[in-house]
PDB file of N, CA and C in Angstrom:
ATOM      1  N   UNK A   1      13.076  62.917 -18.021  1.00  0.00           N
ATOM      2  CA  UNK A   1      13.256  61.580 -18.512  1.00  0.00           C
ATOM      3  C   UNK A   1      13.557  60.641 -17.362  1.00  0.00           C
ATOM      4  N   UNK A   2      12.915  59.537 -17.404  1.00  0.00           N
ATOM      5  CA  UNK A   2      13.109  58.545 -16.360  1.00  0.00           C
ATOM      6  C   UNK A   2      14.083  57.499 -16.878  1.00  0.00           C
ATOM      7  N   UNK A   3      15.120  57.249 -16.087  1.00  0.00           N
ATOM      8  CA  UNK A   3      16.094  56.216 -16.463  1.00  0.00           C
ATOM      9  C   UNK A   3      16.090  55.133 -15.398  1.00  0.00           C
ATOM     10  N   UNK A   4      16.261  53.863 -15.820  1.00  0.00           N
ATOM     11  CA  UNK A   4      16.298  52.805 -14.812  1.00  0.00           C
ATOM     12  C   UNK A   4      17.561  52.907 -13.972  1.00  0.00           C
ATOM     13  N   UNK A   5      17.391  52.648 -12.680  1.00  0.00           N
ATOM     14  CA  UNK A   5      18.541  52.735 -11.792  1.00  0.00           C
ATOM     15  C   UNK A   5      19.335  51.430 -11.767  1.00  0.00           C
ATOM     16  N   UNK A   6      18.664  50.312 -12.038  1.00  0.00           N
ATOM     17  CA  UNK A   6      19.366  49.029 -12.047  1.00  0.00           C
ATOM     18  C   UNK A   6      19.001  48.275 -13.318  1.00  0.00           C
ATOM     19  N   UNK A   7      19.958  47.550 -13.801  1.00  0.00           N
ATOM     20  CA  UNK A   7      19.711  46.704 -14.958  1.00  0.00           C
ATOM     21  C   UNK A   7      19.195  45.361 -14.424  1.00  0.00           C
ATOM     22  N   UNK A   8      18.066  44.869 -14.940  1.00  0.00           N
ATOM     23  CA  UNK A   8      17.572  43.576 -14.442  1.00  0.00           C
ATOM     24  C   UNK A   8      18.570  42.455 -14.752  1.00  0.00           C
ATOM     25  N   UNK A   9      18.817  41.659 -13.744  1.00  0.00           N
ATOM     26  CA  UNK A   9      19.751  40.546 -13.921  1.00  0.00           C
ATOM     27  C   UNK A   9      18.971  39.278 -14.231  1.00  0.00           C
ATOM     28  N   UNK A  10      19.582  38.413 -14.997  1.00  0.00           N
ATOM     29  CA  UNK A  10      18.950  37.143 -15.349  1.00  0.00           C
ATOM     30  C   UNK A  10      19.292  36.118 -14.271  1.00  0.00           C
ATOM     31  N   UNK A  11      18.282  35.638 -13.580  1.00  0.00           N
ATOM     32  CA  UNK A  11      18.456  34.610 -12.564  1.00  0.00           C
ATOM     33  C   UNK A  11      18.179  33.268 -13.237  1.00  0.00           C
ATOM     34  N   UNK A  12      19.104  32.309 -13.108  1.00  0.00           N
ATOM     35  CA  UNK A  12      18.844  31.015 -13.738  1.00  0.00           C
ATOM     36  C   UNK A  12      17.607  30.362 -13.126  1.00  0.00           C
ATOM     37  N   UNK A  13      16.753  29.856 -13.989  1.00  0.00           N
ATOM     38  CA  UNK A  13      15.519  29.231 -13.541  1.00  0.00           C
ATOM     39  C   UNK A  13      15.792  27.819 -13.052  1.00  0.00           C
ATOM     40  N   UNK A  14      15.417  27.537 -11.819  1.00  0.00           N
ATOM     41  CA  UNK A  14      15.537  26.187 -11.272  1.00  0.00           C
ATOM     42  C   UNK A  14      14.263  25.426 -11.597  1.00  0.00           C
ATOM     43  N   UNK A  15      14.375  24.138 -11.867  1.00  0.00           N
ATOM     44  CA  UNK A  15      13.148  23.377 -12.142  1.00  0.00           C
ATOM     45  C   UNK A  15      12.276  23.289 -10.889  1.00  0.00           C
ATOM     46  N   UNK A  16      10.992  23.354 -11.100  1.00  0.00           N
ATOM     47  CA  UNK A  16      10.037  23.291  -9.994  1.00  0.00           C
ATOM     48  C   UNK A  16      10.055  21.888  -9.392  1.00  0.00           C
ATOM     49  N   UNK A  17      10.363  21.743  -8.097  1.00  0.00           N
ATOM     50  CA  UNK A  17      10.434  20.397  -7.508  1.00  0.00           C
ATOM     51  C   UNK A  17       9.066  19.730  -7.378  1.00  0.00           C
ATOM     52  N   UNK A  18       7.977  20.475  -7.550  1.00  0.00           N
ATOM     53  CA  UNK A  18       6.639  19.907  -7.406  1.00  0.00           C
ATOM     54  C   UNK A  18       5.946  19.708  -8.752  1.00  0.00           C
ATOM     55  N   UNK A  19       6.732  19.653  -9.821  1.00  0.00           N
ATOM     56  CA  UNK A  19       6.171  19.378 -11.140  1.00  0.00           C
ATOM     57  C   UNK A  19       6.245  17.881 -11.394  1.00  0.00           C
ATOM     58  N   UNK A  20       5.125  17.280 -11.730  1.00  0.00           N
ATOM     59  CA  UNK A  20       5.086  15.850 -11.999  1.00  0.00           C
ATOM     60  C   UNK A  20       4.581  15.613 -13.413  1.00  0.00           C
ATOM     61  N   UNK A  21       5.165  14.653 -14.051  1.00  0.00           N
ATOM     62  CA  UNK A  21       4.683  14.217 -15.352  1.00  0.00           C
ATOM     63  C   UNK A  21       3.556  13.214 -15.069  1.00  0.00           C
ATOM     64  N   UNK A  22       2.329  13.693 -15.081  1.00  0.00           N
ATOM     65  CA  UNK A  22       1.202  12.874 -14.642  1.00  0.00           C
ATOM     66  C   UNK A  22       0.940  11.681 -15.550  1.00  0.00           C
ATOM     67  N   UNK A  23       1.289  11.788 -16.822  1.00  0.00           N
ATOM     68  CA  UNK A  23       1.114  10.635 -17.717  1.00  0.00           C
ATOM     69  C   UNK A  23       2.023   9.490 -17.294  1.00  0.00           C
ATOM     70  N   UNK A  24       3.265   9.802 -16.953  1.00  0.00           N
ATOM     71  CA  UNK A  24       4.201   8.766 -16.526  1.00  0.00           C
ATOM     72  C   UNK A  24       3.788   8.186 -15.174  1.00  0.00           C
ATOM     73  N   UNK A  25       3.364   9.046 -14.259  1.00  0.00           N
ATOM     74  CA  UNK A  25       2.934   8.578 -12.941  1.00  0.00           C
ATOM     75  C   UNK A  25       1.733   7.647 -13.073  1.00  0.00           C
ATOM     76  N   UNK A  26       0.790   8.000 -13.944  1.00  0.00           N
ATOM     77  CA  UNK A  26      -0.397   7.174 -14.137  1.00  0.00           C
ATOM     78  C   UNK A  26      -0.031   5.837 -14.785  1.00  0.00           C
ATOM     79  N   UNK A  27       0.858   5.865 -15.767  1.00  0.00           N
ATOM     80  CA  UNK A  27       1.261   4.630 -16.449  1.00  0.00           C
ATOM     81  C   UNK A  27       1.983   3.685 -15.497  1.00  0.00           C
ATOM     82  N   UNK A  28       2.905   4.212 -14.711  1.00  0.00           N
ATOM     83  CA  UNK A  28       3.650   3.386 -13.768  1.00  0.00           C
ATOM     84  C   UNK A  28       2.717   2.843 -12.685  1.00  0.00           C
ATOM     85  N   UNK A  29       1.803   3.652 -12.205  1.00  0.00           N
ATOM     86  CA  UNK A  29       0.863   3.214 -11.184  1.00  0.00           C
ATOM     87  C   UNK A  29      -0.049   2.098 -11.670  1.00  0.00           C
ATOM     88  N   UNK A  30      -0.556   2.229 -12.877  1.00  0.00           N
ATOM     89  CA  UNK A  30      -1.430   1.191 -13.424  1.00  0.00           C
ATOM     90  C   UNK A  30      -0.656  -0.092 -13.699  1.00  0.00           C
ATOM     91  N   UNK A  31       0.590   0.040 -14.144  1.00  0.00           N
ATOM     92  CA  UNK A  31       1.418  -1.146 -14.392  1.00  0.00           C
ATOM     93  C   UNK A  31       1.696  -1.887 -13.088  1.00  0.00           C
ATOM     94  N   UNK A  32       2.071  -1.159 -12.044  1.00  0.00           N
ATOM     95  CA  UNK A  32       2.331  -1.796 -10.750  1.00  0.00           C
ATOM     96  C   UNK A  32       1.067  -2.424 -10.170  1.00  0.00           C
ATOM     97  N   UNK A  33      -0.060  -1.751 -10.314  1.00  0.00           N
ATOM     98  CA  UNK A  33      -1.317  -2.300  -9.802  1.00  0.00           C
ATOM     99  C   UNK A  33      -1.678  -3.594 -10.524  1.00  0.00           C
ATOM    100  N   UNK A  34      -1.465  -3.635 -11.830  1.00  0.00           N
ATOM    101  CA  UNK A  34      -1.762  -4.840 -12.603  1.00  0.00           C
ATOM    102  C   UNK A  34      -0.850  -5.991 -12.207  1.00  0.00           C
ATOM    103  N   UNK A  35       0.432  -5.700 -12.041  1.00  0.00           N
ATOM    104  CA  UNK A  35       1.386  -6.747 -11.657  1.00  0.00           C
ATOM    105  C   UNK A  35       1.042  -7.301 -10.273  1.00  0.00           C
ATOM    106  N   UNK A  36       0.754  -6.430  -9.322  1.00  0.00           N
ATOM    107  CA  UNK A  36       0.416  -6.887  -7.973  1.00  0.00           C
ATOM    108  C   UNK A  36      -0.902  -7.667  -7.953  1.00  0.00           C
ATOM    109  N   UNK A  37      -1.871  -7.239  -8.753  1.00  0.00           N
ATOM    110  CA  UNK A  37      -3.148  -7.949  -8.833  1.00  0.00           C
ATOM    111  C   UNK A  37      -2.936  -9.363  -9.368  1.00  0.00           C
ATOM    112  N   UNK A  38      -2.186  -9.481 -10.467  1.00  0.00           N
ATOM    113  CA  UNK A  38      -1.938 -10.799 -11.053  1.00  0.00           C
ATOM    114  C   UNK A  38      -1.112 -11.681 -10.122  1.00  0.00           C
ATOM    115  N   UNK A  39      -0.153 -11.090  -9.415  1.00  0.00           N
ATOM    116  CA  UNK A  39       0.641 -11.848  -8.460  1.00  0.00           C
ATOM    117  C   UNK A  39      -0.230 -12.380  -7.324  1.00  0.00           C
ATOM    118  N   UNK A  40      -1.159 -11.583  -6.858  1.00  0.00           N
ATOM    119  CA  UNK A  40      -2.078 -12.038  -5.817  1.00  0.00           C
ATOM    120  C   UNK A  40      -2.953 -13.182  -6.287  1.00  0.00           C
ATOM    121  N   UNK A  41      -3.452 -13.093  -7.508  1.00  0.00           N
ATOM    122  CA  UNK A  41      -4.265 -14.173  -8.066  1.00  0.00           C
ATOM    123  C   UNK A  41      -3.439 -15.447  -8.196  1.00  0.00           C
ATOM    124  N   UNK A  42      -2.194 -15.324  -8.650  1.00  0.00           N
ATOM    125  CA  UNK A  42      -1.328 -16.504  -8.782  1.00  0.00           C
ATOM    126  C   UNK A  42      -1.048 -17.153  -7.431  1.00  0.00           C
ATOM    127  N   UNK A  43      -0.855 -16.358  -6.409  1.00  0.00           N
ATOM    128  CA  UNK A  43      -0.603 -16.909  -5.074  1.00  0.00           C
ATOM    129  C   UNK A  43      -1.836 -17.651  -4.566  1.00  0.00           C
ATOM    130  N   UNK A  44      -3.005 -17.078  -4.774  1.00  0.00           N
ATOM    131  CA  UNK A  44      -4.237 -17.735  -4.329  1.00  0.00           C
ATOM    132  C   UNK A  44      -4.444 -19.045  -5.079  1.00  0.00           C
ATOM    133  N   UNK A  45      -4.232 -19.027  -6.388  1.00  0.00           N
ATOM    134  CA  UNK A  45      -4.424 -20.241  -7.190  1.00  0.00           C
ATOM    135  C   UNK A  45      -3.399 -21.306  -6.816  1.00  0.00           C
ATOM    136  N   UNK A  46      -2.155 -20.906  -6.582  1.00  0.00           N
ATOM    137  CA  UNK A  46      -1.123 -21.897  -6.275  1.00  0.00           C
ATOM    138  C   UNK A  46      -1.405 -22.601  -4.947  1.00  0.00           C
ATOM    139  N   UNK A  47      -1.970 -21.905  -3.974  1.00  0.00           N
ATOM    140  CA  UNK A  47      -2.304 -22.548  -2.702  1.00  0.00           C
ATOM    141  C   UNK A  47      -3.444 -23.535  -2.873  1.00  0.00           C
ATOM    142  N   UNK A  48      -4.400 -23.204  -3.718  1.00  0.00           N
ATOM    143  CA  UNK A  48      -5.513 -24.122  -3.952  1.00  0.00           C
ATOM    144  C   UNK A  48      -5.053 -25.353  -4.721  1.00  0.00           C
ATOM    145  N   UNK A  49      -4.129 -25.187  -5.647  1.00  0.00           N
ATOM    146  CA  UNK A  49      -3.633 -26.320  -6.425  1.00  0.00           C
ATOM    147  C   UNK A  49      -2.860 -27.275  -5.531  1.00  0.00           C
ATOM    148  N   UNK A  50      -2.055 -26.759  -4.617  1.00  0.00           N
ATOM    149  CA  UNK A  50      -1.304 -27.618  -3.703  1.00  0.00           C
ATOM    150  C   UNK A  50      -2.261 -28.420  -2.832  1.00  0.00           C
ATOM    151  N   UNK A  51      -3.331 -27.801  -2.398  1.00  0.00           N
ATOM    152  CA  UNK A  51      -4.278 -28.493  -1.549  1.00  0.00           C
ATOM    153  C   UNK A  51      -5.014 -29.574  -2.340  1.00  0.00           C
ATOM    154  N   UNK A  52      -5.331 -29.345  -3.594  1.00  0.00           N
ATOM    155  CA  UNK A  52      -6.011 -30.341  -4.405  1.00  0.00           C
ATOM    156  C   UNK A  52      -5.115 -31.534  -4.705  1.00  0.00           C
ATOM    157  N   UNK A  53      -3.823 -31.295  -4.894  1.00  0.00           N
ATOM    158  CA  UNK A  53      -2.900 -32.400  -5.172  1.00  0.00           C
ATOM    159  C   UNK A  53      -2.799 -33.330  -3.973  1.00  0.00           C
ATOM    160  N   UNK A  54      -2.864 -32.782  -2.798  1.00  0.00           N
ATOM    161  CA  UNK A  54      -2.720 -33.578  -1.585  1.00  0.00           C
ATOM    162  C   UNK A  54      -4.084 -33.930  -1.015  1.00  0.00           C
ATOM    163  N   UNK A  55      -5.074 -34.118  -1.870  1.00  0.00           N
ATOM    164  CA  UNK A  55      -6.449 -34.343  -1.428  1.00  0.00           C
ATOM    165  C   UNK A  55      -6.592 -35.619  -0.600  1.00  0.00           C
ATOM    166  N   UNK A  56      -5.769 -36.630  -0.893  1.00  0.00           N
ATOM    167  CA  UNK A  56      -5.898 -37.884  -0.168  1.00  0.00           C
ATOM    168  C   UNK A  56      -5.232 -37.838   1.208  1.00  0.00           C
ATOM    169  N   UNK A  57      -4.371 -36.864   1.436  1.00  0.00           N
ATOM    170  CA  UNK A  57      -3.681 -36.793   2.723  1.00  0.00           C
ATOM    171  C   UNK A  57      -4.563 -36.100   3.758  1.00  0.00           C
ATOM    172  N   UNK A  58      -4.389 -36.430   5.027  1.00  0.00           N
ATOM    173  CA  UNK A  58      -5.215 -35.809   6.070  1.00  0.00           C
ATOM    174  C   UNK A  58      -4.860 -34.342   6.313  1.00  0.00           C
ATOM    175  N   UNK A  59      -3.714 -33.880   5.807  1.00  0.00           N
ATOM    176  CA  UNK A  59      -3.322 -32.497   6.047  1.00  0.00           C
ATOM    177  C   UNK A  59      -3.998 -31.543   5.091  1.00  0.00           C
ATOM    178  N   UNK A  60      -4.711 -32.045   4.075  1.00  0.00           N
ATOM    179  CA  UNK A  60      -5.360 -31.177   3.107  1.00  0.00           C
ATOM    180  C   UNK A  60      -6.471 -30.358   3.749  1.00  0.00           C
ATOM    181  N   UNK A  61      -7.138 -30.916   4.725  1.00  0.00           N
ATOM    182  CA  UNK A  61      -8.250 -30.216   5.346  1.00  0.00           C
ATOM    183  C   UNK A  61      -7.803 -28.914   5.995  1.00  0.00           C
ATOM    184  N   UNK A  62      -6.596 -28.893   6.517  1.00  0.00           N
ATOM    185  CA  UNK A  62      -6.090 -27.662   7.109  1.00  0.00           C
ATOM    186  C   UNK A  62      -5.179 -26.905   6.154  1.00  0.00           C
ATOM    187  N   UNK A  63      -4.926 -27.475   4.946  1.00  0.00           N
ATOM    188  CA  UNK A  63      -4.078 -26.869   3.916  1.00  0.00           C
ATOM    189  C   UNK A  63      -2.681 -26.535   4.440  1.00  0.00           C
ATOM    190  N   UNK A  64      -2.132 -27.410   5.248  1.00  0.00           N
ATOM    191  CA  UNK A  64      -0.764 -27.244   5.728  1.00  0.00           C
ATOM    192  C   UNK A  64       0.065 -28.353   5.120  1.00  0.00           C
ATOM    193  N   UNK A  65       1.268 -28.017   4.716  1.00  0.00           N
ATOM    194  CA  UNK A  65       2.110 -29.048   4.129  1.00  0.00           C
ATOM    195  C   UNK A  65       2.780 -29.842   5.246  1.00  0.00           C
ATOM    196  N   UNK A  66       3.015 -31.101   4.962  1.00  0.00           N
ATOM    197  CA  UNK A  66       3.664 -31.968   5.944  1.00  0.00           C
ATOM    198  C   UNK A  66       5.156 -31.681   5.973  1.00  0.00           C
ATOM    199  N   UNK A  67       5.704 -31.510   7.137  1.00  0.00           N
ATOM    200  CA  UNK A  67       7.134 -31.301   7.283  1.00  0.00           C
ATOM    201  C   UNK A  67       7.797 -32.641   7.561  1.00  0.00           C
ATOM    202  N   UNK A  68       8.944 -32.883   6.947  1.00  0.00           N
ATOM    203  CA  UNK A  68       9.635 -34.154   7.223  1.00  0.00           C
ATOM    204  C   UNK A  68      10.106 -34.204   8.661  1.00  0.00           C
ATOM    205  N   UNK A  69       9.950 -35.388   9.289  1.00  0.00           N
ATOM    206  CA  UNK A  69      10.301 -35.501  10.686  1.00  0.00           C
ATOM    207  C   UNK A  69      11.785 -35.839  10.875  1.00  0.00           C
ATOM    208  N   UNK A  70      12.424 -36.273   9.832  1.00  0.00           N
ATOM    209  CA  UNK A  70      13.848 -36.600   9.955  1.00  0.00           C
ATOM    210  C   UNK A  70      14.584 -36.172   8.695  1.00  0.00           C
ATOM    211  N   UNK A  71      15.878 -35.993   8.834  1.00  0.00           N
ATOM    212  CA  UNK A  71      16.712 -35.603   7.708  1.00  0.00           C
ATOM    213  C   UNK A  71      16.945 -36.807   6.795  1.00  0.00           C
ATOM    214  N   UNK A  72      17.287 -36.580   5.544  1.00  0.00           N
ATOM    215  CA  UNK A  72      17.585 -37.719   4.659  1.00  0.00           C
ATOM    216  C   UNK A  72      18.729 -38.542   5.204  1.00  0.00           C
ATOM    217  N   UNK A  73      18.580 -39.832   5.170  1.00  0.00           N
ATOM    218  CA  UNK A  73      19.614 -40.708   5.691  1.00  0.00           C
ATOM    219  C   UNK A  73      19.212 -41.326   7.018  1.00  0.00           C
ATOM    220  N   UNK A  74      18.034 -40.981   7.534  1.00  0.00           N
ATOM    221  CA  UNK A  74      17.535 -41.621   8.739  1.00  0.00           C
ATOM    222  C   UNK A  74      18.041 -41.017  10.028  1.00  0.00           C
ATOM    223  N   UNK A  75      18.679 -39.887  10.009  1.00  0.00           N
ATOM    224  CA  UNK A  75      19.190 -39.288  11.245  1.00  0.00           C
ATOM    225  C   UNK A  75      18.157 -38.388  11.880  1.00  0.00           C
ATOM    226  N   UNK A  76      17.169 -38.951  12.531  1.00  0.00           N
ATOM    227  CA  UNK A  76      16.115 -38.159  13.169  1.00  0.00           C
ATOM    228  C   UNK A  76      16.626 -37.469  14.418  1.00  0.00           C
ATOM    229  N   UNK A  77      16.148 -36.266  14.660  1.00  0.00           N
ATOM    230  CA  UNK A  77      16.582 -35.502  15.836  1.00  0.00           C
ATOM    231  C   UNK A  77      15.459 -35.389  16.804  1.00  0.00           C
TER     232      UNK A  77
END
C-alpha cells in the first residue's frame, strides 16, 4: 500500500498582477480619447473665433492678441 508522505498544504492564492479587466480599460480609453478630441476641437474653434472678432485690427493677420502697453491708471513702464 502506498501512503502519502506529506499532506498537501493550501497556499493562499494571490491575485495575478497581470490580469486586466479589458472592458473597463477599453471604456476608459475611449472616454479619454473622446474628451481629448473634443477639447482639441474647442481649442481650435476658440482661436478662430478670437481672430474673427478682431478682424478690423491689424493684429488679426498674425492672430496674436494685443498686449496692453501700460497698467491701468496710466503708469506706463
